[in-house]
Amino acid sequence: MTIYPKIGVIFHGLLPEAKELVTALLDRYANEHTWWSATQDTLKECADELATTNLIVTIGGDGTILRGAHEAAPRGIPILGINMGRVGFMSEIDAEDALEDLAWYLEGNARLDERYMLRAEIFASGNKVEPDLFALNDVTVARGGVLRVIEVGTVVDGVHLADYRGDGLVVSTATGSTGYTLSLGGPVMDPESEDYLVKPIATHMSQFGGVVLQSTSTLELTVHCSSPATISADGFVDRSLVDGQMVRISHASIKATFLRKRPRAAFWADLSRRLGMRVSALPREPRKYGDSATI
């Protein structure tokens, strides 16, 4: 029995090598599975194909995976990421190995790695005014195009935490802790943690670097601004916010599922490699015995 009879491939349309890899994969495995493909920008047009798809393969960077996850997670479709980006924290296979390595995953050998997502609801005067937003990496509430400070009133489980004045606030999952919040000086969280991180952006409260909230907490962010602000989910789903609007963030009921080969602890070894951190001591110049110089 074929484990994944129908497979969708989502690739970065601006990378010629990604399109070439799609063609090569389909040529290699066409007789064993039914395939369809789309770029990350045309994915919204593939609802009919997605309804009967058993696996999503993404080819690109983490941005391509995020776009795939937004379509796959609500449908319960697992994702296998092939990395053509610079870092690729969520990807599983490097592009140069994909042709040979893919077979192992298609045979059903991989473990399933579930990652939780965030849900963001937008309110005005107590009424919901936008469809819910979902994020695998992070939800960002930030100033818009005008370079003015905004204030974000932050309430956790009904208790006032802080009023952040600055460029905004990032609310990150453990998966997203290697993304935007890392560049802001935030910690890297264990990817299986269900806690989430609240990190201010260029805040005037420099002594208050952020907090980690437990998975059951609900966060409410009220925006105070003189010009429109923005809420962004995973960096590509954007909505405008005006003064007084509130965003409620909590765990979503859906999860993104990834195929994995290596053990869970391999994440930490990959972290060092992907960030270019040195994992061994610097080599020392051999000492010339008899030399009068001290070391």
C-alpha atoms as a PDB file:
ATOM      1  CA  MET A   1       0.000   0.000   0.000  1.00  0.00           C
ATOM      2  CA  THR A   2       1.295   3.479  -0.891  1.00  0.00           C
ATOM      3  CA  ILE A   3       1.694   5.516   2.283  1.00  0.00           C
ATOM      4  CA  TYR A   4       1.184   8.911   0.630  1.00  0.00           C
ATOM      5  CA  PRO A   5      -0.790   8.302  -2.578  1.00  0.00           C
ATOM      6  CA  LYS A   6      -1.218  12.007  -3.396  1.00  0.00           C
ATOM      7  CA  ILE A   7       1.549  14.533  -2.761  1.00  0.00           C
ATOM      8  CA  GLY A   8       1.587  18.281  -3.294  1.00  0.00           C
ATOM      9  CA  VAL A   9       4.832  20.181  -3.891  1.00  0.00           C
ATOM     10  CA  ILE A  10       5.003  23.848  -2.919  1.00  0.00           C
ATOM     11  CA  PHE A  11       8.102  25.656  -4.136  1.00  0.00           C
ATOM     12  CA  HIS A  12       9.626  29.120  -4.158  1.00  0.00           C
ATOM     13  CA  GLY A  13       8.709  30.515  -7.560  1.00  0.00           C
ATOM     14  CA  LEU A  14      11.628  32.943  -7.723  1.00  0.00           C
ATOM     15  CA  LEU A  15      14.257  30.185  -7.379  1.00  0.00           C
ATOM     16  CA  PRO A  16      14.935  28.488 -10.746  1.00  0.00           C
ATOM     17  CA  GLU A  17      16.727  25.655  -8.967  1.00  0.00           C
ATOM     18  CA  ALA A  18      13.563  24.971  -6.954  1.00  0.00           C
ATOM     19  CA  LYS A  19      11.565  24.440 -10.146  1.00  0.00           C
ATOM     20  CA  GLU A  20      14.330  22.179 -11.465  1.00  0.00           C
ATOM     21  CA  LEU A  21      14.167  20.066  -8.317  1.00  0.00           C
ATOM     22  CA  VAL A  22      10.380  19.765  -8.616  1.00  0.00           C
ATOM     23  CA  THR A  23      10.799  18.394 -12.136  1.00  0.00           C
ATOM     24  CA  ALA A  24      13.488  15.951 -11.014  1.00  0.00           C
ATOM     25  CA  LEU A  25      11.411  14.665  -8.074  1.00  0.00           C
ATOM     26  CA  LEU A  26       8.347  14.114 -10.224  1.00  0.00           C
ATOM     27  CA  ASP A  27      10.422  12.263 -12.832  1.00  0.00           C
ATOM     28  CA  ARG A  28      11.935  10.002 -10.174  1.00  0.00           C
ATOM     29  CA  TYR A  29       8.766   9.157  -8.231  1.00  0.00           C
ATOM     30  CA  ALA A  30       5.961   9.692 -10.748  1.00  0.00           C
ATOM     31  CA  ASN A  31       5.075   5.994 -11.021  1.00  0.00           C
ATOM     32  CA  GLU A  32       4.589   5.534  -7.268  1.00  0.00           C
ATOM     33  CA  HIS A  33       2.480   8.576  -6.358  1.00  0.00           C
ATOM     34  CA  THR A  34       0.128  11.179  -7.781  1.00  0.00           C
ATOM     35  CA  TRP A  35       1.727  14.624  -7.718  1.00  0.00           C
ATOM     36  CA  TRP A  36       0.698  18.240  -8.129  1.00  0.00           C
ATOM     37  CA  SER A  37       2.761  21.393  -7.690  1.00  0.00           C
ATOM     38  CA  ALA A  38       2.302  25.102  -7.077  1.00  0.00           C
ATOM     39  CA  THR A  39       4.409  28.081  -6.129  1.00  0.00           C
ATOM     40  CA  GLN A  40       3.958  29.583  -2.687  1.00  0.00           C
ATOM     41  CA  ASP A  41       2.160  32.513  -4.344  1.00  0.00           C
ATOM     42  CA  THR A  42      -0.369  30.392  -6.283  1.00  0.00           C
ATOM     43  CA  LEU A  43      -1.129  27.979  -3.435  1.00  0.00           C
ATOM     44  CA  LYS A  44      -4.447  29.643  -2.619  1.00  0.00           C
ATOM     45  CA  GLU A  45      -5.747  28.448  -5.985  1.00  0.00           C
ATOM     46  CA  CYS A  46      -5.226  24.775  -5.071  1.00  0.00           C
ATOM     47  CA  ALA A  47      -8.074  24.172  -2.608  1.00  0.00           C
ATOM     48  CA  ASP A  48      -9.493  21.268  -4.622  1.00  0.00           C
ATOM     49  CA  GLU A  49      -6.117  19.532  -4.812  1.00  0.00           C
ATOM     50  CA  LEU A  50      -5.437  20.109  -1.119  1.00  0.00           C
ATOM     51  CA  ALA A  51      -8.715  18.465  -0.141  1.00  0.00           C
ATOM     52  CA  THR A  52      -7.415  15.049  -1.252  1.00  0.00           C
ATOM     53  CA  THR A  53      -3.674  15.480  -0.558  1.00  0.00           C
ATOM     54  CA  ASN A  54      -1.828  13.191   1.875  1.00  0.00           C
ATOM     55  CA  LEU A  55       1.542  14.977   2.115  1.00  0.00           C
ATOM     56  CA  ILE A  56       2.948  18.430   1.369  1.00  0.00           C
ATOM     57  CA  VAL A  57       6.585  18.733   0.271  1.00  0.00           C
ATOM     58  CA  THR A  58       7.988  22.269   0.351  1.00  0.00           C
ATOM     59  CA  ILE A  59      11.066  23.406  -1.565  1.00  0.00           C
ATOM     60  CA  GLY A  60      12.562  26.724  -0.486  1.00  0.00           C
ATOM     61  CA  GLY A  61      13.267  28.264   2.902  1.00  0.00           C
ATOM     62  CA  ASP A  62      11.273  28.597   6.097  1.00  0.00           C
ATOM     63  CA  GLY A  63       9.021  31.158   4.411  1.00  0.00           C
ATOM     64  CA  THR A  64       7.868  28.519   1.936  1.00  0.00           C
ATOM     65  CA  ILE A  65       7.228  26.088   4.794  1.00  0.00           C
ATOM     66  CA  LEU A  66       5.160  28.696   6.649  1.00  0.00           C
ATOM     67  CA  ARG A  67       2.947  29.250   3.621  1.00  0.00           C
ATOM     68  CA  GLY A  68       2.531  25.519   3.215  1.00  0.00           C
ATOM     69  CA  ALA A  69       1.728  25.097   6.907  1.00  0.00           C
ATOM     70  CA  HIS A  70      -1.104  27.630   6.725  1.00  0.00           C
ATOM     71  CA  GLU A  71      -2.834  25.408   4.178  1.00  0.00           C
ATOM     72  CA  ALA A  72      -1.744  22.007   5.492  1.00  0.00           C
ATOM     73  CA  ALA A  73      -2.411  22.402   9.226  1.00  0.00           C
ATOM     74  CA  PRO A  74      -6.192  23.002   9.059  1.00  0.00           C
ATOM     75  CA  ARG A  75      -6.496  19.936   6.825  1.00  0.00           C
ATOM     76  CA  GLY A  76      -4.265  17.693   8.955  1.00  0.00           C
ATOM     77  CA  ILE A  77      -1.707  17.214   6.155  1.00  0.00           C
ATOM     78  CA  PRO A  78       1.904  16.524   7.238  1.00  0.00           C
ATOM     79  CA  ILE A  79       4.772  18.566   5.780  1.00  0.00           C
ATOM     80  CA  LEU A  80       8.248  17.603   4.603  1.00  0.00           C
ATOM     81  CA  GLY A  81      10.584  20.567   4.093  1.00  0.00           C
ATOM     82  CA  ILE A  82      13.436  20.581   1.563  1.00  0.00           C
ATOM     83  CA  ASN A  83      15.817  23.438   2.285  1.00  0.00           C
ATOM     84  CA  MET A  84      17.051  25.853  -0.365  1.00  0.00           C
ATOM     85  CA  GLY A  85      17.276  28.789   2.013  1.00  0.00           C
ATOM     86  CA  ARG A  86      20.111  30.086   4.159  1.00  0.00           C
ATOM     87  CA  VAL A  87      19.080  28.693   7.534  1.00  0.00           C
ATOM     88  CA  GLY A  88      15.996  26.491   7.282  1.00  0.00           C
ATOM     89  CA  PHE A  89      15.215  25.671  10.918  1.00  0.00           C
ATOM     90  CA  MET A  90      11.985  23.899  10.016  1.00  0.00           C
ATOM     91  CA  SER A  91      13.260  22.013   6.988  1.00  0.00           C
ATOM     92  CA  GLU A  92      14.285  18.362   7.071  1.00  0.00           C
ATOM     93  CA  ILE A  93      16.333  17.630   3.926  1.00  0.00           C
ATOM     94  CA  ASP A  94      18.984  19.678   2.149  1.00  0.00           C
ATOM     95  CA  ALA A  95      18.243  20.202  -1.535  1.00  0.00           C
ATOM     96  CA  GLU A  96      21.326  18.345  -2.770  1.00  0.00           C
ATOM     97  CA  ASP A  97      20.207  15.201  -0.906  1.00  0.00           C
ATOM     98  CA  ALA A  98      16.516  15.350  -1.750  1.00  0.00           C
ATOM     99  CA  LEU A  99      16.387  12.995  -4.746  1.00  0.00           C
ATOM    100  CA  GLU A 100      17.928  10.111  -2.837  1.00  0.00           C
ATOM    101  CA  ASP A 101      16.631  10.824   0.655  1.00  0.00           C
ATOM    102  CA  LEU A 102      12.975  11.395  -0.213  1.00  0.00           C
ATOM    103  CA  ALA A 103      12.224   7.694  -0.701  1.00  0.00           C
ATOM    104  CA  TRP A 104      12.774   6.911   2.987  1.00  0.00           C
ATOM    105  CA  TYR A 105      10.084   9.404   4.008  1.00  0.00           C
ATOM    106  CA  LEU A 106       7.632   8.307   1.322  1.00  0.00           C
ATOM    107  CA  GLU A 107       7.855   4.737   2.630  1.00  0.00           C
ATOM    108  CA  GLY A 108       6.316   5.866   5.921  1.00  0.00           C
ATOM    109  CA  ASN A 109       9.419   5.556   8.105  1.00  0.00           C
ATOM    110  CA  ALA A 110       9.406   9.070   9.599  1.00  0.00           C
ATOM    111  CA  ARG A 111       8.150  10.098  13.019  1.00  0.00           C
ATOM    112  CA  LEU A 112       5.555  12.866  13.272  1.00  0.00           C
ATOM    113  CA  ASP A 113       6.644  16.139  14.874  1.00  0.00           C
ATOM    114  CA  GLU A 114       3.648  18.234  15.960  1.00  0.00           C
ATOM    115  CA  ARG A 115       4.070  21.977  16.469  1.00  0.00           C
ATOM    116  CA  TYR A 116       1.361  24.122  18.022  1.00  0.00           C
ATOM    117  CA  MET A 117       0.120  27.338  16.433  1.00  0.00           C
ATOM    118  CA  LEU A 118      -1.239  30.628  17.731  1.00  0.00           C
ATOM    119  CA  ARG A 119      -4.675  32.095  17.113  1.00  0.00           C
ATOM    120  CA  ALA A 120      -5.178  35.861  16.957  1.00  0.00           C
ATOM    121  CA  GLU A 121      -8.627  37.463  17.206  1.00  0.00           C
ATOM    122  CA  ILE A 122      -9.125  41.163  16.443  1.00  0.00           C
ATOM    123  CA  PHE A 123     -11.741  43.218  18.312  1.00  0.00           C
ATOM    124  CA  ALA A 124     -13.078  46.762  18.151  1.00  0.00           C
ATOM    125  CA  SER A 125     -15.474  48.034  20.829  1.00  0.00           C
ATOM    126  CA  GLY A 126     -15.814  44.496  22.128  1.00  0.00           C
ATOM    127  CA  ASN A 127     -16.832  42.986  18.776  1.00  0.00           C
ATOM    128  CA  LYS A 128     -14.747  40.730  16.558  1.00  0.00           C
ATOM    129  CA  VAL A 129     -14.021  42.617  13.333  1.00  0.00           C
ATOM    130  CA  GLU A 130     -11.712  40.356  11.299  1.00  0.00           C
ATOM    131  CA  PRO A 131     -11.401  36.638  10.540  1.00  0.00           C
ATOM    132  CA  ASP A 132      -9.073  34.836  12.930  1.00  0.00           C
ATOM    133  CA  LEU A 133      -5.367  34.778  12.081  1.00  0.00           C
ATOM    134  CA  PHE A 134      -3.184  31.718  12.675  1.00  0.00           C
ATOM    135  CA  ALA A 135       0.583  31.600  13.070  1.00  0.00           C
ATOM    136  CA  LEU A 136       3.162  28.840  13.335  1.00  0.00           C
ATOM    137  CA  ASN A 137       6.057  31.222  14.043  1.00  0.00           C
ATOM    138  CA  ASP A 138       4.776  34.470  15.482  1.00  0.00           C
ATOM    139  CA  VAL A 139       2.179  37.211  15.629  1.00  0.00           C
ATOM    140  CA  THR A 140       3.560  40.754  15.471  1.00  0.00           C
ATOM    141  CA  VAL A 141       1.714  43.910  16.478  1.00  0.00           C
ATOM    142  CA  ALA A 142       3.788  46.862  15.308  1.00  0.00           C
ATOM    143  CA  ARG A 143       3.729  50.407  14.023  1.00  0.00           C
ATOM    144  CA  GLY A 144       2.723  50.864  10.390  1.00  0.00           C
ATOM    145  CA  GLY A 145       4.488  52.891   7.720  1.00  0.00           C
ATOM    146  CA  VAL A 146       4.646  56.071   9.822  1.00  0.00           C
ATOM    147  CA  LEU A 147       7.724  56.261  12.058  1.00  0.00           C
ATOM    148  CA  ARG A 148       5.942  56.929  15.323  1.00  0.00           C
ATOM    149  CA  VAL A 149       6.003  55.157  18.658  1.00  0.00           C
ATOM    150  CA  ILE A 150       2.976  53.053  19.485  1.00  0.00           C
ATOM    151  CA  GLU A 151       1.843  51.830  22.881  1.00  0.00           C
ATOM    152  CA  VAL A 152       0.671  48.259  23.394  1.00  0.00           C
ATOM    153  CA  GLY A 153      -1.261  47.579  26.582  1.00  0.00           C
ATOM    154  CA  THR A 154      -0.550  43.976  27.560  1.00  0.00           C
ATOM    155  CA  VAL A 155      -2.863  41.856  29.716  1.00  0.00           C
ATOM    156  CA  VAL A 156      -2.174  38.211  30.656  1.00  0.00           C
ATOM    157  CA  ASP A 157      -5.109  36.114  31.895  1.00  0.00           C
ATOM    158  CA  GLY A 158      -6.973  39.248  32.890  1.00  0.00           C
ATOM    159  CA  VAL A 159      -4.015  40.783  34.761  1.00  0.00           C
ATOM    160  CA  HIS A 160      -2.257  43.897  33.471  1.00  0.00           C
ATOM    161  CA  LEU A 161       1.381  43.131  32.667  1.00  0.00           C
ATOM    162  CA  ALA A 162       2.813  46.269  31.040  1.00  0.00           C
ATOM    163  CA  ASP A 163       2.288  49.121  28.597  1.00  0.00           C
ATOM    164  CA  TYR A 164       5.041  48.748  26.021  1.00  0.00           C
ATOM    165  CA  ARG A 165       6.054  51.945  24.220  1.00  0.00           C
ATOM    166  CA  GLY A 166       8.203  51.450  21.160  1.00  0.00           C
ATOM    167  CA  ASP A 167       7.892  49.817  17.732  1.00  0.00           C
ATOM    168  CA  GLY A 168       5.584  47.028  18.855  1.00  0.00           C
ATOM    169  CA  LEU A 169       5.501  43.521  20.224  1.00  0.00           C
ATOM    170  CA  VAL A 170       6.201  39.994  18.945  1.00  0.00           C
ATOM    171  CA  VAL A 171       4.363  36.967  20.316  1.00  0.00           C
ATOM    172  CA  SER A 172       6.301  33.859  19.337  1.00  0.00           C
ATOM    173  CA  THR A 173       5.769  30.113  19.543  1.00  0.00           C
ATOM    174  CA  ALA A 174       8.659  27.829  20.462  1.00  0.00           C
ATOM    175  CA  THR A 175       9.006  27.086  16.740  1.00  0.00           C
ATOM    176  CA  GLY A 176       9.255  30.811  16.009  1.00  0.00           C
ATOM    177  CA  SER A 177      11.813  31.442  18.758  1.00  0.00           C
ATOM    178  CA  THR A 178      14.565  30.912  16.151  1.00  0.00           C
ATOM    179  CA  GLY A 179      13.036  33.635  13.971  1.00  0.00           C
ATOM    180  CA  TYR A 180      12.171  37.282  14.618  1.00  0.00           C
ATOM    181  CA  THR A 181      12.431  37.120  18.408  1.00  0.00           C
ATOM    182  CA  LEU A 182      15.934  35.638  18.164  1.00  0.00           C
ATOM    183  CA  SER A 183      17.056  38.709  16.216  1.00  0.00           C
ATOM    184  CA  LEU A 184      15.604  40.828  19.040  1.00  0.00           C
ATOM    185  CA  GLY A 185      17.748  39.027  21.603  1.00  0.00           C
ATOM    186  CA  GLY A 186      15.142  36.530  22.716  1.00  0.00           C
ATOM    187  CA  PRO A 187      15.898  32.977  23.889  1.00  0.00           C
ATOM    188  CA  VAL A 188      15.685  29.829  21.778  1.00  0.00           C
ATOM    189  CA  MET A 189      12.978  27.566  23.190  1.00  0.00           C
ATOM    190  CA  ASP A 190      12.734  23.795  22.970  1.00  0.00           C
ATOM    191  CA  PRO A 191      10.647  23.240  19.815  1.00  0.00           C
ATOM    192  CA  GLU A 192       8.305  20.857  21.630  1.00  0.00           C
ATOM    193  CA  SER A 193       7.510  23.377  24.350  1.00  0.00           C
ATOM    194  CA  GLU A 194       3.949  24.691  24.240  1.00  0.00           C
ATOM    195  CA  ASP A 195       4.835  27.875  26.105  1.00  0.00           C
ATOM    196  CA  TYR A 196       5.078  31.086  24.137  1.00  0.00           C
ATOM    197  CA  LEU A 197       7.205  34.192  24.243  1.00  0.00           C
ATOM    198  CA  VAL A 198       6.254  37.880  24.398  1.00  0.00           C
ATOM    199  CA  LYS A 199       9.088  40.145  23.205  1.00  0.00           C
ATOM    200  CA  PRO A 200       8.933  43.942  22.746  1.00  0.00           C
ATOM    201  CA  ILE A 201      10.438  45.626  19.676  1.00  0.00           C
ATOM    202  CA  ALA A 202      12.680  48.627  20.379  1.00  0.00           C
ATOM    203  CA  THR A 203      10.808  49.256  23.602  1.00  0.00           C
ATOM    204  CA  HIS A 204      11.416  52.255  25.821  1.00  0.00           C
ATOM    205  CA  MET A 205      11.237  49.841  28.756  1.00  0.00           C
ATOM    206  CA  SER A 206      14.736  48.524  28.194  1.00  0.00           C
ATOM    207  CA  GLN A 207      14.794  46.853  31.586  1.00  0.00           C
ATOM    208  CA  PHE A 208      11.826  44.668  30.642  1.00  0.00           C
ATOM    209  CA  GLY A 209      13.032  42.281  27.980  1.00  0.00           C
ATOM    210  CA  GLY A 210       9.997  40.033  27.630  1.00  0.00           C
ATOM    211  CA  VAL A 211       8.205  37.130  29.267  1.00  0.00           C
ATOM    212  CA  VAL A 212       7.480  33.443  28.615  1.00  0.00           C
ATOM    213  CA  LEU A 213       3.835  32.477  29.108  1.00  0.00           C
ATOM    214  CA  GLN A 214       2.433  29.022  29.798  1.00  0.00           C
ATOM    215  CA  SER A 215       0.438  27.293  27.100  1.00  0.00           C
ATOM    216  CA  THR A 216      -2.963  27.887  28.729  1.00  0.00           C
ATOM    217  CA  SER A 217      -2.531  31.667  29.041  1.00  0.00           C
ATOM    218  CA  THR A 218      -4.529  34.177  27.026  1.00  0.00           C
ATOM    219  CA  LEU A 219      -2.852  37.406  25.965  1.00  0.00           C
ATOM    220  CA  GLU A 220      -4.704  40.623  25.164  1.00  0.00           C
ATOM    221  CA  LEU A 221      -2.912  43.441  23.354  1.00  0.00           C
ATOM    222  CA  THR A 222      -4.592  46.854  23.063  1.00  0.00           C
ATOM    223  CA  VAL A 223      -3.065  49.275  20.573  1.00  0.00           C
ATOM    224  CA  HIS A 224      -2.773  52.993  21.247  1.00  0.00           C
ATOM    225  CA  CYS A 225      -1.513  54.859  18.184  1.00  0.00           C
ATOM    226  CA  SER A 226      -1.999  58.108  16.289  1.00  0.00           C
ATOM    227  CA  SER A 227      -1.659  56.428  12.878  1.00  0.00           C
ATOM    228  CA  PRO A 228      -2.616  52.900  11.737  1.00  0.00           C
ATOM    229  CA  ALA A 229      -0.586  50.022  13.144  1.00  0.00           C
ATOM    230  CA  THR A 230      -0.246  46.509  11.722  1.00  0.00           C
ATOM    231  CA  ILE A 231      -0.789  42.954  12.883  1.00  0.00           C
ATOM    232  CA  SER A 232       1.142  40.308  10.977  1.00  0.00           C
ATOM    233  CA  ALA A 233       0.935  36.506  11.229  1.00  0.00           C
ATOM    234  CA  ASP A 234       4.104  34.679  10.191  1.00  0.00           C
ATOM    235  CA  GLY A 235       5.270  37.732   8.269  1.00  0.00           C
ATOM    236  CA  PHE A 236       2.919  37.417   5.305  1.00  0.00           C
ATOM    237  CA  VAL A 237      -0.694  37.636   6.566  1.00  0.00           C
ATOM    238  CA  ASP A 238      -1.268  41.304   7.444  1.00  0.00           C
ATOM    239  CA  ARG A 239      -4.142  43.413   8.775  1.00  0.00           C
ATOM    240  CA  SER A 240      -4.378  47.073   9.807  1.00  0.00           C
ATOM    241  CA  LEU A 241      -5.111  48.139  13.380  1.00  0.00           C
ATOM    242  CA  VAL A 242      -6.370  51.497  14.592  1.00  0.00           C
ATOM    243  CA  ASP A 243      -6.274  53.171  17.975  1.00  0.00           C
ATOM    244  CA  GLY A 244      -8.137  51.241  20.663  1.00  0.00           C
ATOM    245  CA  GLN A 245      -8.372  47.908  18.865  1.00  0.00           C
ATOM    246  CA  MET A 246      -7.550  44.789  20.852  1.00  0.00           C
ATOM    247  CA  VAL A 247      -5.888  41.557  19.726  1.00  0.00           C
ATOM    248  CA  ARG A 248      -6.508  38.386  21.738  1.00  0.00           C
ATOM    249  CA  ILE A 249      -3.868  35.674  21.324  1.00  0.00           C
ATOM    250  CA  SER A 250      -4.114  32.087  22.518  1.00  0.00           C
ATOM    251  CA  HIS A 251      -3.278  28.544  21.467  1.00  0.00           C
ATOM    252  CA  ALA A 252      -4.948  27.484  18.249  1.00  0.00           C
ATOM    253  CA  SER A 253      -6.897  24.233  17.998  1.00  0.00           C
ATOM    254  CA  ILE A 254      -4.862  23.204  14.938  1.00  0.00           C
ATOM    255  CA  LYS A 255      -1.253  22.036  14.784  1.00  0.00           C
ATOM    256  CA  ALA A 256       1.348  21.799  12.040  1.00  0.00           C
ATOM    257  CA  THR A 257       2.829  18.314  11.602  1.00  0.00           C
ATOM    258  CA  PHE A 258       6.269  17.609  10.141  1.00  0.00           C
ATOM    259  CA  LEU A 259       8.006  14.414   9.041  1.00  0.00           C
ATOM    260  CA  ARG A 260      11.293  13.824  10.903  1.00  0.00           C
ATOM    261  CA  LYS A 261      14.084  11.275  10.721  1.00  0.00           C
ATOM    262  CA  ARG A 262      16.582  12.348  13.334  1.00  0.00           C
ATOM    263  CA  PRO A 263      15.936  12.176  17.100  1.00  0.00           C
ATOM    264  CA  ARG A 264      14.397  15.174  18.852  1.00  0.00           C
ATOM    265  CA  ALA A 265      17.665  16.166  20.546  1.00  0.00           C
ATOM    266  CA  ALA A 266      19.275  16.728  17.130  1.00  0.00           C
ATOM    267  CA  PHE A 267      17.592  20.146  17.124  1.00  0.00           C
ATOM    268  CA  TRP A 268      20.301  21.488  19.416  1.00  0.00           C
ATOM    269  CA  ALA A 269      23.159  20.271  17.241  1.00  0.00           C
ATOM    270  CA  ASP A 270      21.424  21.760  14.200  1.00  0.00           C
ATOM    271  CA  LEU A 271      20.990  25.035  16.058  1.00  0.00           C
ATOM    272  CA  SER A 272      24.757  25.453  16.422  1.00  0.00           C
ATOM    273  CA  ARG A 273      25.351  24.545  12.795  1.00  0.00           C
ATOM    274  CA  ARG A 274      22.611  26.715  11.317  1.00  0.00           C
ATOM    275  CA  LEU A 275      23.562  29.777  13.365  1.00  0.00           C
ATOM    276  CA  GLY A 276      27.255  29.308  12.649  1.00  0.00           C
ATOM    277  CA  MET A 277      28.117  28.993  16.337  1.00  0.00           C
ATOM    278  CA  ARG A 278      31.475  27.342  17.076  1.00  0.00           C
ATOM    279  CA  VAL A 279      31.031  23.953  18.710  1.00  0.00           C
ATOM    280  CA  SER A 280      34.681  23.136  19.347  1.00  0.00           C
ATOM    281  CA  ALA A 281      37.572  25.002  20.898  1.00  0.00           C
ATOM    282  CA  LEU A 282      39.729  27.247  18.769  1.00  0.00           C
ATOM    283  CA  PRO A 283      42.916  25.508  17.630  1.00  0.00           C
ATOM    284  CA  ARG A 284      45.991  26.659  19.549  1.00  0.00           C
ATOM    285  CA  GLU A 285      49.353  27.437  18.058  1.00  0.00           C
ATOM    286  CA  PRO A 286      51.847  24.752  19.110  1.00  0.00           C
ATOM    287  CA  ARG A 287      54.186  26.003  21.790  1.00  0.00           C
ATOM    288  CA  LYS A 288      57.856  26.125  20.903  1.00  0.00           C
ATOM    289  CA  TYR A 289      59.596  24.776  23.953  1.00  0.00           C
ATOM    290  CA  GLY A 290      62.738  26.658  24.853  1.00  0.00           C
ATOM    291  CA  ASP A 291      61.246  29.888  23.511  1.00  0.00           C
ATOM    292  CA  SER A 292      61.548  32.643  26.082  1.00  0.00           C
ATOM    293  CA  ALA A 293      58.148  34.075  25.230  1.00  0.00           C
ATOM    294  CA  THR A 294      55.356  33.344  27.680  1.00  0.00           C
ATOM    295  CA  ILE A 295      51.925  32.078  26.738  1.00  0.00           C
END
